[in-house]
Amino acid sequence: MMELTSRQRARLRGMANSLDTILYVGKEGIGENLIAQADSALEARELIKGKVQENAPVTSREAAEEIARAARAEVVQVIGSRFVLYRESHTIDRDKRIKLD
């Protein structure tokens, strides 16, 4: 997994501002279903936003890092209860992928 540069991270943060939250960590914490959901969402979109509910047993930082590790993604940002993850897709056409350069 490549490490994101600060410039790439800043670009992804800007792109994430307009994203809807699609991943929710609730009181069950992080299970196989959540990891599978994150994995398929990353493959389809490359950049996803998640939220950790108040009743979750993990912090947003812990959730972001655990999901990123399991889904082979990069943590772009963690602010409050929200987090953003990125992973380059291998199924999206090359010209439609997020350009990080």
N, C-alpha and C. Protein backbone atom coordinates (compact mmCIF):
# COMPACT_ATOMS: atom_id res chain seq x y z
N MET A 1 0.85 -1.19 0.00
CA MET A 1 0.00 0.00 0.00
C MET A 1 0.88 1.23 0.00
N MET A 2 0.61 2.13 -0.92
CA MET A 2 1.41 3.35 -0.98
C MET A 2 0.99 4.34 0.09
N GLU A 3 1.94 5.05 0.61
CA GLU A 3 1.67 6.08 1.61
C GLU A 3 1.32 7.37 0.88
N LEU A 4 0.23 8.02 1.29
CA LEU A 4 -0.19 9.26 0.65
C LEU A 4 0.71 10.41 1.09
N THR A 5 1.02 11.31 0.15
CA THR A 5 1.77 12.52 0.50
C THR A 5 0.79 13.53 1.09
N SER A 6 1.30 14.57 1.72
CA SER A 6 0.42 15.57 2.30
C SER A 6 -0.38 16.29 1.21
N ARG A 7 0.21 16.47 0.03
CA ARG A 7 -0.50 17.11 -1.08
C ARG A 7 -1.65 16.22 -1.57
N GLN A 8 -1.39 14.93 -1.70
CA GLN A 8 -2.43 13.98 -2.13
C GLN A 8 -3.55 13.92 -1.10
N ARG A 9 -3.16 13.87 0.17
CA ARG A 9 -4.13 13.81 1.27
C ARG A 9 -5.02 15.06 1.25
N ALA A 10 -4.42 16.23 1.03
CA ALA A 10 -5.18 17.49 0.99
C ALA A 10 -6.16 17.47 -0.18
N ARG A 11 -5.74 16.96 -1.32
CA ARG A 11 -6.63 16.87 -2.49
C ARG A 11 -7.82 15.95 -2.19
N LEU A 12 -7.54 14.81 -1.58
CA LEU A 12 -8.61 13.85 -1.25
C LEU A 12 -9.56 14.42 -0.20
N ARG A 13 -9.02 15.17 0.77
CA ARG A 13 -9.87 15.80 1.79
C ARG A 13 -10.85 16.76 1.14
N GLY A 14 -10.35 17.54 0.19
CA GLY A 14 -11.21 18.48 -0.53
C GLY A 14 -12.30 17.77 -1.30
N MET A 15 -11.95 16.67 -1.95
CA MET A 15 -12.93 15.89 -2.71
C MET A 15 -13.96 15.25 -1.79
N ALA A 16 -13.55 14.90 -0.58
CA ALA A 16 -14.44 14.21 0.37
C ALA A 16 -15.50 15.15 0.95
N ASN A 17 -15.25 16.46 0.91
CA ASN A 17 -16.21 17.41 1.49
C ASN A 17 -17.62 17.23 0.93
N SER A 18 -17.72 16.92 -0.35
CA SER A 18 -19.04 16.82 -0.99
C SER A 18 -19.64 15.41 -0.92
N LEU A 19 -18.90 14.48 -0.35
CA LEU A 19 -19.39 13.10 -0.29
C LEU A 19 -20.43 12.90 0.80
N ASP A 20 -21.37 12.00 0.53
CA ASP A 20 -22.31 11.58 1.56
C ASP A 20 -21.66 10.49 2.40
N THR A 21 -22.04 10.41 3.65
CA THR A 21 -21.54 9.35 4.53
C THR A 21 -22.25 8.05 4.15
N ILE A 22 -21.47 7.00 3.86
CA ILE A 22 -22.10 5.74 3.44
C ILE A 22 -21.77 4.57 4.36
N LEU A 23 -20.84 4.78 5.29
CA LEU A 23 -20.42 3.70 6.17
C LEU A 23 -20.68 4.12 7.61
N TYR A 24 -21.41 3.29 8.35
CA TYR A 24 -21.74 3.63 9.75
C TYR A 24 -21.27 2.53 10.69
N VAL A 25 -20.51 2.93 11.72
CA VAL A 25 -20.07 1.99 12.74
C VAL A 25 -20.98 2.20 13.94
N GLY A 26 -21.74 1.15 14.29
CA GLY A 26 -22.69 1.25 15.39
C GLY A 26 -22.26 0.48 16.61
N LYS A 27 -23.23 0.11 17.43
CA LYS A 27 -22.93 -0.55 18.71
C LYS A 27 -22.30 -1.92 18.54
N GLU A 28 -22.46 -2.57 17.37
CA GLU A 28 -21.83 -3.87 17.14
C GLU A 28 -20.34 -3.73 16.85
N GLY A 29 -19.90 -2.51 16.56
CA GLY A 29 -18.49 -2.29 16.25
C GLY A 29 -18.18 -2.66 14.81
N ILE A 30 -16.99 -3.16 14.60
CA ILE A 30 -16.53 -3.47 13.24
C ILE A 30 -16.51 -4.97 13.04
N GLY A 31 -17.42 -5.43 12.19
CA GLY A 31 -17.51 -6.86 11.90
C GLY A 31 -17.21 -7.15 10.44
N GLU A 32 -17.34 -8.41 10.07
CA GLU A 32 -17.05 -8.82 8.69
C GLU A 32 -17.95 -8.12 7.68
N ASN A 33 -19.22 -7.94 8.03
CA ASN A 33 -20.15 -7.27 7.10
C ASN A 33 -19.73 -5.84 6.82
N LEU A 34 -19.32 -5.13 7.86
CA LEU A 34 -18.88 -3.74 7.69
C LEU A 34 -17.62 -3.67 6.84
N ILE A 35 -16.69 -4.58 7.07
CA ILE A 35 -15.45 -4.62 6.28
C ILE A 35 -15.79 -4.90 4.82
N ALA A 36 -16.69 -5.87 4.58
CA ALA A 36 -17.09 -6.21 3.20
C ALA A 36 -17.76 -5.02 2.53
N GLN A 37 -18.59 -4.31 3.28
CA GLN A 37 -19.27 -3.12 2.75
C GLN A 37 -18.24 -2.05 2.38
N ALA A 38 -17.28 -1.82 3.26
CA ALA A 38 -16.23 -0.83 3.00
C ALA A 38 -15.41 -1.24 1.78
N ASP A 39 -15.07 -2.52 1.70
CA ASP A 39 -14.26 -3.03 0.60
C ASP A 39 -14.96 -2.81 -0.74
N SER A 40 -16.24 -3.17 -0.83
CA SER A 40 -16.95 -3.01 -2.10
C SER A 40 -17.18 -1.53 -2.42
N ALA A 41 -17.42 -0.71 -1.41
CA ALA A 41 -17.61 0.73 -1.65
C ALA A 41 -16.31 1.37 -2.14
N LEU A 42 -15.18 0.97 -1.57
CA LEU A 42 -13.89 1.50 -2.01
C LEU A 42 -13.59 1.08 -3.45
N GLU A 43 -13.93 -0.14 -3.79
CA GLU A 43 -13.68 -0.62 -5.16
C GLU A 43 -14.54 0.16 -6.16
N ALA A 44 -15.76 0.50 -5.77
CA ALA A 44 -16.69 1.20 -6.66
C ALA A 44 -16.43 2.71 -6.72
N ARG A 45 -15.97 3.29 -5.58
CA ARG A 45 -15.87 4.75 -5.50
C ARG A 45 -14.48 5.30 -5.24
N GLU A 46 -13.60 4.50 -4.68
CA GLU A 46 -12.23 4.87 -4.30
C GLU A 46 -12.16 5.73 -3.03
N LEU A 47 -13.09 6.64 -2.85
CA LEU A 47 -13.07 7.56 -1.71
C LEU A 47 -14.41 7.46 -0.99
N ILE A 48 -14.38 7.11 0.29
CA ILE A 48 -15.63 6.96 1.04
C ILE A 48 -15.55 7.67 2.39
N LYS A 49 -16.72 8.04 2.88
CA LYS A 49 -16.81 8.72 4.17
C LYS A 49 -17.59 7.84 5.14
N GLY A 50 -17.10 7.73 6.36
CA GLY A 50 -17.76 6.92 7.38
C GLY A 50 -18.03 7.74 8.63
N LYS A 51 -18.91 7.20 9.47
CA LYS A 51 -19.25 7.87 10.73
C LYS A 51 -19.34 6.83 11.82
N VAL A 52 -18.83 7.18 12.98
CA VAL A 52 -18.92 6.30 14.15
C VAL A 52 -20.03 6.85 15.04
N GLN A 53 -21.05 6.03 15.29
CA GLN A 53 -22.19 6.44 16.12
C GLN A 53 -21.75 6.56 17.58
N GLU A 54 -22.52 7.30 18.34
CA GLU A 54 -22.18 7.54 19.76
C GLU A 54 -22.12 6.26 20.58
N ASN A 55 -22.94 5.26 20.21
CA ASN A 55 -22.98 4.02 20.99
C ASN A 55 -21.96 2.97 20.53
N ALA A 56 -21.07 3.34 19.62
CA ALA A 56 -20.06 2.40 19.12
C ALA A 56 -18.97 2.17 20.16
N PRO A 57 -18.41 0.94 20.20
CA PRO A 57 -17.37 0.62 21.18
C PRO A 57 -15.97 1.10 20.79
N VAL A 58 -15.83 1.78 19.65
CA VAL A 58 -14.52 2.25 19.20
C VAL A 58 -14.58 3.75 18.90
N THR A 59 -13.43 4.39 18.93
CA THR A 59 -13.36 5.81 18.54
C THR A 59 -13.31 5.88 17.02
N SER A 60 -13.51 7.07 16.49
CA SER A 60 -13.46 7.21 15.03
C SER A 60 -12.06 6.92 14.49
N ARG A 61 -11.02 7.28 15.24
CA ARG A 61 -9.64 7.00 14.81
C ARG A 61 -9.41 5.48 14.78
N GLU A 62 -9.83 4.80 15.83
CA GLU A 62 -9.67 3.33 15.88
C GLU A 62 -10.44 2.66 14.75
N ALA A 63 -11.66 3.11 14.52
CA ALA A 63 -12.49 2.53 13.46
C ALA A 63 -11.85 2.75 12.10
N ALA A 64 -11.42 3.97 11.83
CA ALA A 64 -10.80 4.29 10.54
C ALA A 64 -9.57 3.43 10.29
N GLU A 65 -8.72 3.30 11.30
CA GLU A 65 -7.49 2.53 11.14
C GLU A 65 -7.77 1.04 10.98
N GLU A 66 -8.73 0.52 11.74
CA GLU A 66 -9.05 -0.90 11.65
C GLU A 66 -9.68 -1.25 10.30
N ILE A 67 -10.62 -0.42 9.84
CA ILE A 67 -11.26 -0.67 8.55
C ILE A 67 -10.24 -0.51 7.42
N ALA A 68 -9.40 0.51 7.51
CA ALA A 68 -8.37 0.74 6.48
C ALA A 68 -7.42 -0.45 6.39
N ARG A 69 -7.01 -0.97 7.53
CA ARG A 69 -6.09 -2.12 7.55
C ARG A 69 -6.76 -3.33 6.91
N ALA A 70 -8.01 -3.59 7.29
CA ALA A 70 -8.72 -4.76 6.78
C ALA A 70 -9.06 -4.64 5.29
N ALA A 71 -9.31 -3.41 4.83
CA ALA A 71 -9.70 -3.20 3.43
C ALA A 71 -8.53 -2.74 2.56
N ARG A 72 -7.32 -2.75 3.13
CA ARG A 72 -6.12 -2.32 2.41
C ARG A 72 -6.28 -0.91 1.83
N ALA A 73 -6.75 0.00 2.68
CA ALA A 73 -7.01 1.39 2.27
C ALA A 73 -6.13 2.34 3.08
N GLU A 74 -6.20 3.60 2.73
CA GLU A 74 -5.48 4.65 3.46
C GLU A 74 -6.48 5.52 4.22
N VAL A 75 -6.14 5.88 5.44
CA VAL A 75 -6.95 6.84 6.19
C VAL A 75 -6.56 8.22 5.68
N VAL A 76 -7.53 8.95 5.14
CA VAL A 76 -7.27 10.29 4.61
C VAL A 76 -7.43 11.32 5.71
N GLN A 77 -8.50 11.15 6.51
CA GLN A 77 -8.84 12.17 7.50
C GLN A 77 -9.74 11.58 8.58
N VAL A 78 -9.57 12.08 9.80
CA VAL A 78 -10.50 11.76 10.89
C VAL A 78 -10.82 13.08 11.59
N ILE A 79 -12.10 13.44 11.57
CA ILE A 79 -12.54 14.66 12.24
C ILE A 79 -13.78 14.33 13.05
N GLY A 80 -13.71 14.51 14.36
CA GLY A 80 -14.85 14.20 15.21
C GLY A 80 -15.25 12.75 15.06
N SER A 81 -16.51 12.51 14.71
CA SER A 81 -16.98 11.13 14.58
C SER A 81 -16.89 10.63 13.15
N ARG A 82 -16.39 11.45 12.24
CA ARG A 82 -16.33 11.07 10.82
C ARG A 82 -14.90 10.76 10.37
N PHE A 83 -14.83 9.92 9.35
CA PHE A 83 -13.53 9.58 8.78
C PHE A 83 -13.66 9.37 7.28
N VAL A 84 -12.53 9.52 6.59
CA VAL A 84 -12.49 9.36 5.13
C VAL A 84 -11.41 8.35 4.79
N LEU A 85 -11.75 7.40 3.91
CA LEU A 85 -10.81 6.37 3.47
C LEU A 85 -10.64 6.42 1.96
N TYR A 86 -9.44 6.05 1.49
CA TYR A 86 -9.16 6.01 0.06
C TYR A 86 -8.44 4.72 -0.30
N ARG A 87 -8.81 4.16 -1.44
CA ARG A 87 -8.06 3.04 -2.02
C ARG A 87 -8.27 3.09 -3.53
N GLU A 88 -7.18 3.00 -4.27
CA GLU A 88 -7.30 2.99 -5.73
C GLU A 88 -8.08 1.77 -6.17
N SER A 89 -9.02 1.99 -7.08
CA SER A 89 -9.85 0.90 -7.60
C SER A 89 -9.14 0.21 -8.75
N HIS A 90 -9.41 -1.08 -8.90
CA HIS A 90 -8.85 -1.82 -10.03
C HIS A 90 -9.93 -2.20 -11.02
N THR A 91 -11.19 -1.84 -10.73
CA THR A 91 -12.29 -2.16 -11.64
C THR A 91 -12.79 -0.94 -12.39
N ILE A 92 -12.51 0.25 -11.89
CA ILE A 92 -12.92 1.48 -12.58
C ILE A 92 -11.93 1.72 -13.72
N ASP A 93 -12.45 2.19 -14.86
CA ASP A 93 -11.57 2.52 -15.99
C ASP A 93 -10.49 3.49 -15.52
N ARG A 94 -9.29 3.31 -16.04
CA ARG A 94 -8.14 4.12 -15.61
C ARG A 94 -8.40 5.62 -15.77
N ASP A 95 -9.08 6.02 -16.83
CA ASP A 95 -9.33 7.45 -17.05
C ASP A 95 -10.42 8.03 -16.15
N LYS A 96 -11.17 7.16 -15.45
CA LYS A 96 -12.21 7.64 -14.53
C LYS A 96 -11.76 7.58 -13.07
N ARG A 97 -10.58 7.06 -12.82
CA ARG A 97 -10.07 6.97 -11.44
C ARG A 97 -9.67 8.35 -10.93
N ILE A 98 -9.59 8.46 -9.62
CA ILE A 98 -9.13 9.71 -8.99
C ILE A 98 -7.64 9.91 -9.34
N LYS A 99 -7.32 11.09 -9.84
CA LYS A 99 -5.94 11.41 -10.20
C LYS A 99 -5.27 12.08 -8.98
N LEU A 100 -4.19 11.49 -8.52
CA LEU A 100 -3.52 12.01 -7.32
C LEU A 100 -2.28 12.83 -7.64
N ASP A 101 -1.87 12.89 -8.85
CA ASP A 101 -0.63 13.62 -9.20
C ASP A 101 -0.82 15.10 -9.24
